[in-house]
Amino acid sequence: MPDVTYLAKYSPFKSFDGNDLEALGSVGEEKAIKKDELVFDEDSKGDSMYILKTGAVKILKKVKSQENTIAVLNPGEFFGEMALLDGLPRSAAVRATTDSEILQITLEGYQKLRREKPHTALKLMDIIIKVLSNRLRQANKNLEVISFWIE
């Protein structure tokens, strides 16, 4: 079981106490990723979310066959979380920009967390919802800027 106490220093996980961190660690698996390694590709099956422990990753989206970086994530941030919500194929690709370490939480692991530690699962879902909401608001602002320059 990985030690995930490092998460407590990152703002999204400040509400997690020792029991929550232990529960999250019990369903997670740490993985090492090399620089330029693909974590997952756009349109691949979504079955896990990932929390960045060390390093950095970039989120990539293809538009008209052109791969574009839409975000760079750093330690304490997570990605792939929509797989826990909808089970649909990945909407973007993720590639490591440096040697990195990630905590993988599979859909099966999250379902186990919901059964055995529902309070912790609810805290995790609250974090996911807040981050998704912020990302959507930022995307909306970006569209406003783009439409201003197009008009």
N, C-alpha and C. Protein backbone atom coordinates (compact mmCIF):
# COMPACT_ATOMS: atom_id res chain seq x y z
N MET A 1 0.85 -1.18 0.00
CA MET A 1 0.00 0.00 0.00
C MET A 1 0.89 1.24 0.00
N PRO A 2 0.70 2.11 -0.99
CA PRO A 2 1.55 3.31 -1.04
C PRO A 2 1.23 4.31 0.07
N ASP A 3 2.25 5.01 0.51
CA ASP A 3 2.09 6.09 1.49
C ASP A 3 1.69 7.35 0.73
N VAL A 4 0.49 7.84 0.97
CA VAL A 4 0.01 9.01 0.24
C VAL A 4 -0.12 10.23 1.15
N THR A 5 0.58 10.23 2.27
CA THR A 5 0.49 11.37 3.19
C THR A 5 0.95 12.66 2.54
N TYR A 6 1.78 12.58 1.51
CA TYR A 6 2.24 13.77 0.79
C TYR A 6 1.07 14.58 0.23
N LEU A 7 -0.05 13.93 -0.03
CA LEU A 7 -1.21 14.63 -0.60
C LEU A 7 -1.76 15.72 0.31
N ALA A 8 -1.60 15.55 1.63
CA ALA A 8 -2.16 16.50 2.59
C ALA A 8 -1.60 17.91 2.41
N LYS A 9 -0.43 18.04 1.79
CA LYS A 9 0.15 19.38 1.61
C LYS A 9 -0.42 20.12 0.40
N TYR A 10 -1.23 19.45 -0.41
CA TYR A 10 -1.82 20.08 -1.59
C TYR A 10 -3.25 20.50 -1.31
N SER A 11 -3.60 21.71 -1.74
CA SER A 11 -4.89 22.29 -1.37
C SER A 11 -6.10 21.41 -1.67
N PRO A 12 -6.17 20.71 -2.78
CA PRO A 12 -7.39 19.90 -2.99
C PRO A 12 -7.60 18.85 -1.90
N PHE A 13 -6.51 18.37 -1.30
CA PHE A 13 -6.60 17.27 -0.35
C PHE A 13 -6.45 17.71 1.11
N LYS A 14 -6.53 19.01 1.37
CA LYS A 14 -6.38 19.53 2.74
C LYS A 14 -7.44 18.97 3.69
N SER A 15 -8.62 18.63 3.17
CA SER A 15 -9.70 18.11 4.02
C SER A 15 -9.50 16.63 4.38
N PHE A 16 -8.51 15.97 3.78
CA PHE A 16 -8.26 14.56 4.06
C PHE A 16 -7.48 14.42 5.36
N ASP A 17 -8.03 13.64 6.30
CA ASP A 17 -7.29 13.35 7.53
C ASP A 17 -6.50 12.06 7.32
N GLY A 18 -5.84 11.61 8.36
CA GLY A 18 -5.02 10.40 8.26
C GLY A 18 -5.79 9.18 7.81
N ASN A 19 -7.01 9.03 8.30
CA ASN A 19 -7.84 7.89 7.90
C ASN A 19 -8.21 7.95 6.42
N ASP A 20 -8.52 9.16 5.94
CA ASP A 20 -8.85 9.32 4.53
C ASP A 20 -7.65 8.99 3.65
N LEU A 21 -6.48 9.48 4.06
CA LEU A 21 -5.27 9.22 3.27
C LEU A 21 -4.94 7.74 3.25
N GLU A 22 -5.10 7.08 4.38
CA GLU A 22 -4.85 5.64 4.45
C GLU A 22 -5.84 4.89 3.55
N ALA A 23 -7.10 5.29 3.58
CA ALA A 23 -8.11 4.64 2.74
C ALA A 23 -7.79 4.84 1.26
N LEU A 24 -7.40 6.06 0.89
CA LEU A 24 -7.05 6.33 -0.50
C LEU A 24 -5.83 5.51 -0.92
N GLY A 25 -4.83 5.45 -0.05
CA GLY A 25 -3.64 4.65 -0.35
C GLY A 25 -3.95 3.18 -0.51
N SER A 26 -4.96 2.70 0.21
CA SER A 26 -5.30 1.27 0.15
C SER A 26 -5.89 0.86 -1.20
N VAL A 27 -6.41 1.83 -1.96
CA VAL A 27 -6.98 1.50 -3.27
C VAL A 27 -6.12 2.03 -4.42
N GLY A 28 -4.98 2.63 -4.10
CA GLY A 28 -4.12 3.20 -5.12
C GLY A 28 -2.87 2.38 -5.36
N GLU A 29 -2.26 2.62 -6.50
CA GLU A 29 -1.00 1.97 -6.86
C GLU A 29 -0.08 3.03 -7.46
N GLU A 30 1.15 3.11 -6.94
CA GLU A 30 2.10 4.07 -7.48
C GLU A 30 2.78 3.51 -8.71
N LYS A 31 3.00 4.40 -9.67
CA LYS A 31 3.67 4.01 -10.91
C LYS A 31 4.68 5.08 -11.28
N ALA A 32 5.78 4.65 -11.86
CA ALA A 32 6.79 5.58 -12.37
C ALA A 32 6.58 5.74 -13.87
N ILE A 33 6.75 6.97 -14.34
CA ILE A 33 6.61 7.27 -15.76
C ILE A 33 7.87 8.00 -16.20
N LYS A 34 8.40 7.61 -17.31
CA LYS A 34 9.58 8.27 -17.86
C LYS A 34 9.18 9.50 -18.67
N LYS A 35 10.12 10.45 -18.77
CA LYS A 35 9.89 11.64 -19.59
C LYS A 35 9.46 11.23 -20.99
N ASP A 36 8.45 11.89 -21.51
CA ASP A 36 7.87 11.68 -22.85
C ASP A 36 7.03 10.40 -22.96
N GLU A 37 6.89 9.66 -21.87
CA GLU A 37 6.05 8.45 -21.90
C GLU A 37 4.57 8.85 -21.90
N LEU A 38 3.79 8.16 -22.70
CA LEU A 38 2.36 8.38 -22.79
C LEU A 38 1.68 7.64 -21.64
N VAL A 39 0.91 8.36 -20.82
CA VAL A 39 0.16 7.72 -19.73
C VAL A 39 -1.08 7.06 -20.33
N PHE A 40 -1.80 7.79 -21.15
CA PHE A 40 -2.88 7.22 -21.95
C PHE A 40 -3.11 8.10 -23.16
N ASP A 41 -3.74 7.50 -24.18
CA ASP A 41 -3.98 8.20 -25.44
C ASP A 41 -5.43 8.65 -25.52
N GLU A 42 -5.65 9.69 -26.29
CA GLU A 42 -7.01 10.17 -26.54
C GLU A 42 -7.83 9.03 -27.16
N ASP A 43 -9.07 8.91 -26.74
CA ASP A 43 -10.02 7.90 -27.21
C ASP A 43 -9.76 6.49 -26.67
N SER A 44 -8.72 6.32 -25.81
CA SER A 44 -8.51 5.01 -25.22
C SER A 44 -9.53 4.77 -24.10
N LYS A 45 -9.64 3.53 -23.67
CA LYS A 45 -10.61 3.17 -22.63
C LYS A 45 -10.24 3.88 -21.33
N GLY A 46 -11.23 4.50 -20.70
CA GLY A 46 -11.00 5.17 -19.42
C GLY A 46 -11.38 4.28 -18.27
N ASP A 47 -10.39 3.88 -17.45
CA ASP A 47 -10.69 3.00 -16.33
C ASP A 47 -9.95 3.38 -15.06
N SER A 48 -9.27 4.54 -15.06
CA SER A 48 -8.49 4.97 -13.90
C SER A 48 -8.36 6.48 -13.88
N MET A 49 -8.16 7.01 -12.67
CA MET A 49 -7.72 8.39 -12.52
C MET A 49 -6.32 8.36 -11.94
N TYR A 50 -5.61 9.46 -12.03
CA TYR A 50 -4.22 9.53 -11.59
C TYR A 50 -3.99 10.83 -10.82
N ILE A 51 -3.20 10.72 -9.77
CA ILE A 51 -2.79 11.89 -9.00
C ILE A 51 -1.28 11.99 -9.14
N LEU A 52 -0.80 13.16 -9.51
CA LEU A 52 0.62 13.37 -9.75
C LEU A 52 1.36 13.54 -8.42
N LYS A 53 2.32 12.66 -8.16
CA LYS A 53 3.14 12.74 -6.95
C LYS A 53 4.37 13.60 -7.19
N THR A 54 5.10 13.30 -8.26
CA THR A 54 6.29 14.08 -8.63
C THR A 54 6.29 14.27 -10.14
N GLY A 55 7.01 15.29 -10.58
CA GLY A 55 7.15 15.53 -12.01
C GLY A 55 6.05 16.40 -12.56
N ALA A 56 5.79 16.24 -13.85
CA ALA A 56 4.77 17.02 -14.54
C ALA A 56 4.28 16.24 -15.75
N VAL A 57 3.03 16.51 -16.13
CA VAL A 57 2.45 15.91 -17.32
C VAL A 57 1.75 17.00 -18.12
N LYS A 58 1.60 16.75 -19.41
CA LYS A 58 0.83 17.68 -20.22
C LYS A 58 -0.39 16.95 -20.77
N ILE A 59 -1.49 17.69 -20.84
CA ILE A 59 -2.74 17.18 -21.38
C ILE A 59 -2.77 17.61 -22.84
N LEU A 60 -2.99 16.66 -23.73
CA LEU A 60 -2.91 16.90 -25.17
C LEU A 60 -4.24 16.60 -25.85
N LYS A 61 -4.66 17.49 -26.73
CA LYS A 61 -5.91 17.32 -27.47
C LYS A 61 -5.63 17.49 -28.94
N LYS A 62 -6.12 16.54 -29.75
CA LYS A 62 -5.96 16.65 -31.19
C LYS A 62 -7.11 17.47 -31.77
N VAL A 63 -6.76 18.44 -32.59
CA VAL A 63 -7.72 19.24 -33.32
C VAL A 63 -7.23 19.28 -34.77
N LYS A 64 -8.04 18.72 -35.67
CA LYS A 64 -7.66 18.65 -37.08
C LYS A 64 -6.28 18.03 -37.26
N SER A 65 -6.05 16.90 -36.63
CA SER A 65 -4.80 16.14 -36.70
C SER A 65 -3.60 16.85 -36.06
N GLN A 66 -3.81 18.00 -35.45
CA GLN A 66 -2.75 18.75 -34.78
C GLN A 66 -2.86 18.50 -33.28
N GLU A 67 -1.76 18.03 -32.65
CA GLU A 67 -1.76 17.79 -31.21
C GLU A 67 -1.43 19.08 -30.48
N ASN A 68 -2.32 19.50 -29.59
CA ASN A 68 -2.17 20.75 -28.85
C ASN A 68 -2.10 20.49 -27.36
N THR A 69 -1.20 21.21 -26.68
CA THR A 69 -1.13 21.12 -25.22
C THR A 69 -2.19 22.04 -24.66
N ILE A 70 -3.12 21.47 -23.89
CA ILE A 70 -4.18 22.30 -23.32
C ILE A 70 -3.96 22.59 -21.84
N ALA A 71 -3.05 21.84 -21.20
CA ALA A 71 -2.73 22.10 -19.80
C ALA A 71 -1.45 21.37 -19.43
N VAL A 72 -0.77 21.90 -18.43
CA VAL A 72 0.37 21.22 -17.82
C VAL A 72 0.03 21.08 -16.34
N LEU A 73 0.13 19.85 -15.82
CA LEU A 73 -0.21 19.59 -14.43
C LEU A 73 1.04 19.29 -13.63
N ASN A 74 1.01 19.65 -12.36
CA ASN A 74 2.14 19.51 -11.45
C ASN A 74 1.73 18.67 -10.23
N PRO A 75 2.68 18.34 -9.36
CA PRO A 75 2.36 17.51 -8.19
C PRO A 75 1.16 18.02 -7.40
N GLY A 76 0.33 17.05 -6.99
CA GLY A 76 -0.88 17.36 -6.24
C GLY A 76 -2.10 17.51 -7.12
N GLU A 77 -1.89 17.62 -8.44
CA GLU A 77 -3.01 17.74 -9.37
C GLU A 77 -3.35 16.35 -9.92
N PHE A 78 -4.56 16.22 -10.43
CA PHE A 78 -4.97 14.91 -10.94
C PHE A 78 -5.56 15.02 -12.34
N PHE A 79 -5.65 13.87 -12.99
CA PHE A 79 -6.17 13.78 -14.35
C PHE A 79 -6.78 12.41 -14.57
N GLY A 80 -7.59 12.32 -15.61
CA GLY A 80 -8.25 11.04 -15.92
C GLY A 80 -9.46 10.77 -15.06
N GLU A 81 -9.86 11.76 -14.24
CA GLU A 81 -10.93 11.55 -13.27
C GLU A 81 -12.29 11.30 -13.91
N MET A 82 -12.48 11.74 -15.14
CA MET A 82 -13.78 11.54 -15.79
C MET A 82 -14.07 10.05 -15.97
N ALA A 83 -13.03 9.22 -16.01
CA ALA A 83 -13.22 7.78 -16.14
C ALA A 83 -13.99 7.20 -14.96
N LEU A 84 -13.86 7.83 -13.78
CA LEU A 84 -14.60 7.35 -12.62
C LEU A 84 -16.06 7.78 -12.68
N LEU A 85 -16.34 8.79 -13.50
CA LEU A 85 -17.69 9.34 -13.57
C LEU A 85 -18.52 8.75 -14.69
N ASP A 86 -17.91 8.62 -15.89
CA ASP A 86 -18.74 8.23 -17.03
C ASP A 86 -18.28 6.97 -17.77
N GLY A 87 -17.07 6.52 -17.55
CA GLY A 87 -16.59 5.31 -18.22
C GLY A 87 -16.43 5.42 -19.72
N LEU A 88 -16.49 6.64 -20.24
CA LEU A 88 -16.35 6.84 -21.69
C LEU A 88 -14.87 6.88 -22.08
N PRO A 89 -14.58 6.79 -23.38
CA PRO A 89 -13.18 6.88 -23.82
C PRO A 89 -12.56 8.22 -23.41
N ARG A 90 -11.26 8.24 -23.31
CA ARG A 90 -10.51 9.42 -22.89
C ARG A 90 -10.75 10.58 -23.86
N SER A 91 -10.94 11.77 -23.33
CA SER A 91 -11.19 12.95 -24.17
C SER A 91 -9.90 13.65 -24.57
N ALA A 92 -8.78 13.24 -23.99
CA ALA A 92 -7.47 13.82 -24.31
C ALA A 92 -6.40 12.79 -23.99
N ALA A 93 -5.20 13.06 -24.43
CA ALA A 93 -4.05 12.22 -24.11
C ALA A 93 -3.24 12.89 -23.00
N VAL A 94 -2.42 12.10 -22.31
CA VAL A 94 -1.55 12.63 -21.26
C VAL A 94 -0.16 12.06 -21.45
N ARG A 95 0.85 12.96 -21.46
CA ARG A 95 2.25 12.57 -21.64
C ARG A 95 3.09 13.23 -20.55
N ALA A 96 4.03 12.48 -20.00
CA ALA A 96 4.94 13.02 -18.98
C ALA A 96 5.92 13.99 -19.63
N THR A 97 6.12 15.14 -18.99
CA THR A 97 7.11 16.10 -19.50
C THR A 97 8.44 15.93 -18.78
N THR A 98 8.44 15.21 -17.67
CA THR A 98 9.64 14.88 -16.92
C THR A 98 9.45 13.47 -16.36
N ASP A 99 10.51 12.85 -15.84
CA ASP A 99 10.31 11.62 -15.10
C ASP A 99 9.35 11.95 -13.96
N SER A 100 8.33 11.13 -13.79
CA SER A 100 7.26 11.44 -12.84
C SER A 100 6.82 10.20 -12.09
N GLU A 101 6.12 10.43 -10.99
CA GLU A 101 5.48 9.36 -10.24
C GLU A 101 4.01 9.73 -10.10
N ILE A 102 3.15 8.72 -10.30
CA ILE A 102 1.72 8.95 -10.20
C ILE A 102 1.08 7.90 -9.30
N LEU A 103 -0.04 8.28 -8.72
CA LEU A 103 -0.87 7.34 -7.96
C LEU A 103 -2.06 7.02 -8.84
N GLN A 104 -2.23 5.76 -9.19
CA GLN A 104 -3.34 5.32 -10.03
C GLN A 104 -4.46 4.80 -9.14
N ILE A 105 -5.67 5.29 -9.40
CA ILE A 105 -6.86 4.78 -8.72
C ILE A 105 -7.79 4.27 -9.81
N THR A 106 -7.95 2.96 -9.84
CA THR A 106 -8.80 2.35 -10.86
C THR A 106 -10.27 2.53 -10.50
N LEU A 107 -11.13 2.32 -11.47
CA LEU A 107 -12.57 2.37 -11.22
C LEU A 107 -12.94 1.32 -10.17
N GLU A 108 -12.35 0.15 -10.27
CA GLU A 108 -12.59 -0.92 -9.29
C GLU A 108 -12.16 -0.47 -7.89
N GLY A 109 -11.00 0.18 -7.81
CA GLY A 109 -10.51 0.68 -6.52
C GLY A 109 -11.43 1.75 -5.95
N TYR A 110 -11.92 2.64 -6.82
CA TYR A 110 -12.83 3.68 -6.36
C TYR A 110 -14.14 3.05 -5.86
N GLN A 111 -14.64 2.05 -6.57
CA GLN A 111 -15.88 1.38 -6.13
C GLN A 111 -15.68 0.69 -4.79
N LYS A 112 -14.50 0.13 -4.58
CA LYS A 112 -14.18 -0.47 -3.28
C LYS A 112 -14.17 0.61 -2.19
N LEU A 113 -13.59 1.76 -2.50
CA LEU A 113 -13.55 2.87 -1.56
C LEU A 113 -14.98 3.31 -1.21
N ARG A 114 -15.85 3.36 -2.21
CA ARG A 114 -17.26 3.74 -1.96
C ARG A 114 -17.94 2.76 -1.03
N ARG A 115 -17.65 1.47 -1.18
CA ARG A 115 -18.28 0.45 -0.34
C ARG A 115 -17.73 0.47 1.08
N GLU A 116 -16.39 0.56 1.19
CA GLU A 116 -15.75 0.37 2.49
C GLU A 116 -15.51 1.66 3.25
N LYS A 117 -15.29 2.77 2.55
CA LYS A 117 -15.01 4.07 3.18
C LYS A 117 -15.80 5.15 2.45
N PRO A 118 -17.12 5.10 2.54
CA PRO A 118 -17.94 6.05 1.76
C PRO A 118 -17.66 7.51 2.08
N HIS A 119 -17.28 7.81 3.32
CA HIS A 119 -16.98 9.20 3.69
C HIS A 119 -15.77 9.71 2.90
N THR A 120 -14.76 8.89 2.77
CA THR A 120 -13.56 9.26 2.00
C THR A 120 -13.89 9.35 0.51
N ALA A 121 -14.68 8.41 0.01
CA ALA A 121 -15.08 8.44 -1.41
C ALA A 121 -15.85 9.72 -1.71
N LEU A 122 -16.70 10.15 -0.79
CA LEU A 122 -17.46 11.38 -0.98
C LEU A 122 -16.52 12.59 -0.99
N LYS A 123 -15.53 12.60 -0.10
CA LYS A 123 -14.56 13.70 -0.10
C LYS A 123 -13.80 13.76 -1.43
N LEU A 124 -13.40 12.59 -1.95
CA LEU A 124 -12.70 12.54 -3.23
C LEU A 124 -13.61 13.06 -4.34
N MET A 125 -14.87 12.64 -4.35
CA MET A 125 -15.79 13.10 -5.38
C MET A 125 -16.02 14.60 -5.28
N ASP A 126 -16.09 15.14 -4.07
CA ASP A 126 -16.23 16.59 -3.89
C ASP A 126 -15.05 17.32 -4.55
N ILE A 127 -13.84 16.81 -4.35
CA ILE A 127 -12.65 17.41 -4.95
C ILE A 127 -12.74 17.35 -6.48
N ILE A 128 -13.12 16.20 -6.99
CA ILE A 128 -13.23 16.03 -8.44
C ILE A 128 -14.24 17.01 -9.02
N ILE A 129 -15.39 17.13 -8.38
CA ILE A 129 -16.43 18.04 -8.88
C ILE A 129 -15.94 19.48 -8.86
N LYS A 130 -15.28 19.90 -7.80
CA LYS A 130 -14.78 21.28 -7.73
C LYS A 130 -13.74 21.55 -8.81
N VAL A 131 -12.84 20.62 -9.02
CA VAL A 131 -11.81 20.82 -10.04
C VAL A 131 -12.43 20.82 -11.44
N LEU A 132 -13.36 19.91 -11.71
CA LEU A 132 -14.02 19.90 -13.01
C LEU A 132 -14.80 21.19 -13.24
N SER A 133 -15.44 21.69 -12.20
CA SER A 133 -16.17 22.95 -12.31
C SER A 133 -15.23 24.10 -12.64
N ASN A 134 -14.09 24.16 -11.96
CA ASN A 134 -13.09 25.21 -12.24
C ASN A 134 -12.55 25.10 -13.65
N ARG A 135 -12.30 23.87 -14.11
CA ARG A 135 -11.79 23.68 -15.47
C ARG A 135 -12.83 24.12 -16.50
N LEU A 136 -14.09 23.84 -16.26
CA LEU A 136 -15.15 24.25 -17.17
C LEU A 136 -15.27 25.78 -17.20
N ARG A 137 -15.20 26.42 -16.05
CA ARG A 137 -15.26 27.88 -16.00
C ARG A 137 -14.09 28.50 -16.76
N GLN A 138 -12.89 27.91 -16.61
CA GLN A 138 -11.73 28.41 -17.33
C GLN A 138 -11.89 28.22 -18.84
N ALA A 139 -12.42 27.08 -19.24
CA ALA A 139 -12.66 26.84 -20.67
C ALA A 139 -13.66 27.85 -21.22
N ASN A 140 -14.68 28.17 -20.44
CA ASN A 140 -15.66 29.17 -20.87
C ASN A 140 -15.01 30.54 -21.03
N LYS A 141 -14.13 30.92 -20.11
CA LYS A 141 -13.42 32.20 -20.23
C LYS A 141 -12.56 32.22 -21.47
N ASN A 142 -11.89 31.10 -21.73
CA ASN A 142 -11.04 31.02 -22.93
C ASN A 142 -11.88 31.19 -24.20
N LEU A 143 -13.07 30.61 -24.22
CA LEU A 143 -13.95 30.77 -25.39
C LEU A 143 -14.39 32.22 -25.56
N GLU A 144 -14.64 32.90 -24.44
CA GLU A 144 -15.01 34.31 -24.51
C GLU A 144 -13.90 35.14 -25.14
N VAL A 145 -12.68 34.86 -24.76
CA VAL A 145 -11.53 35.58 -25.31
C VAL A 145 -11.38 35.29 -26.80
N ILE A 146 -11.52 34.03 -27.16
CA ILE A 146 -11.40 33.64 -28.57
C ILE A 146 -12.49 34.31 -29.40
N SER A 147 -13.72 34.30 -28.90
CA SER A 147 -14.80 34.90 -29.68
C SER A 147 -14.63 36.41 -29.80
N PHE A 148 -14.05 37.06 -28.79
CA PHE A 148 -13.77 38.49 -28.86
C PHE A 148 -12.82 38.79 -30.02
N TRP A 149 -11.78 37.96 -30.17
CA TRP A 149 -10.78 38.21 -31.21
C TRP A 149 -11.28 37.81 -32.59
N ILE A 150 -12.25 36.92 -32.65
CA ILE A 150 -12.79 36.50 -33.96
C ILE A 150 -13.74 37.55 -34.51
N GLU A 151 -14.49 38.21 -33.64
CA GLU A 151 -15.51 39.19 -34.10
C GLU A 151 -14.91 40.41 -34.71
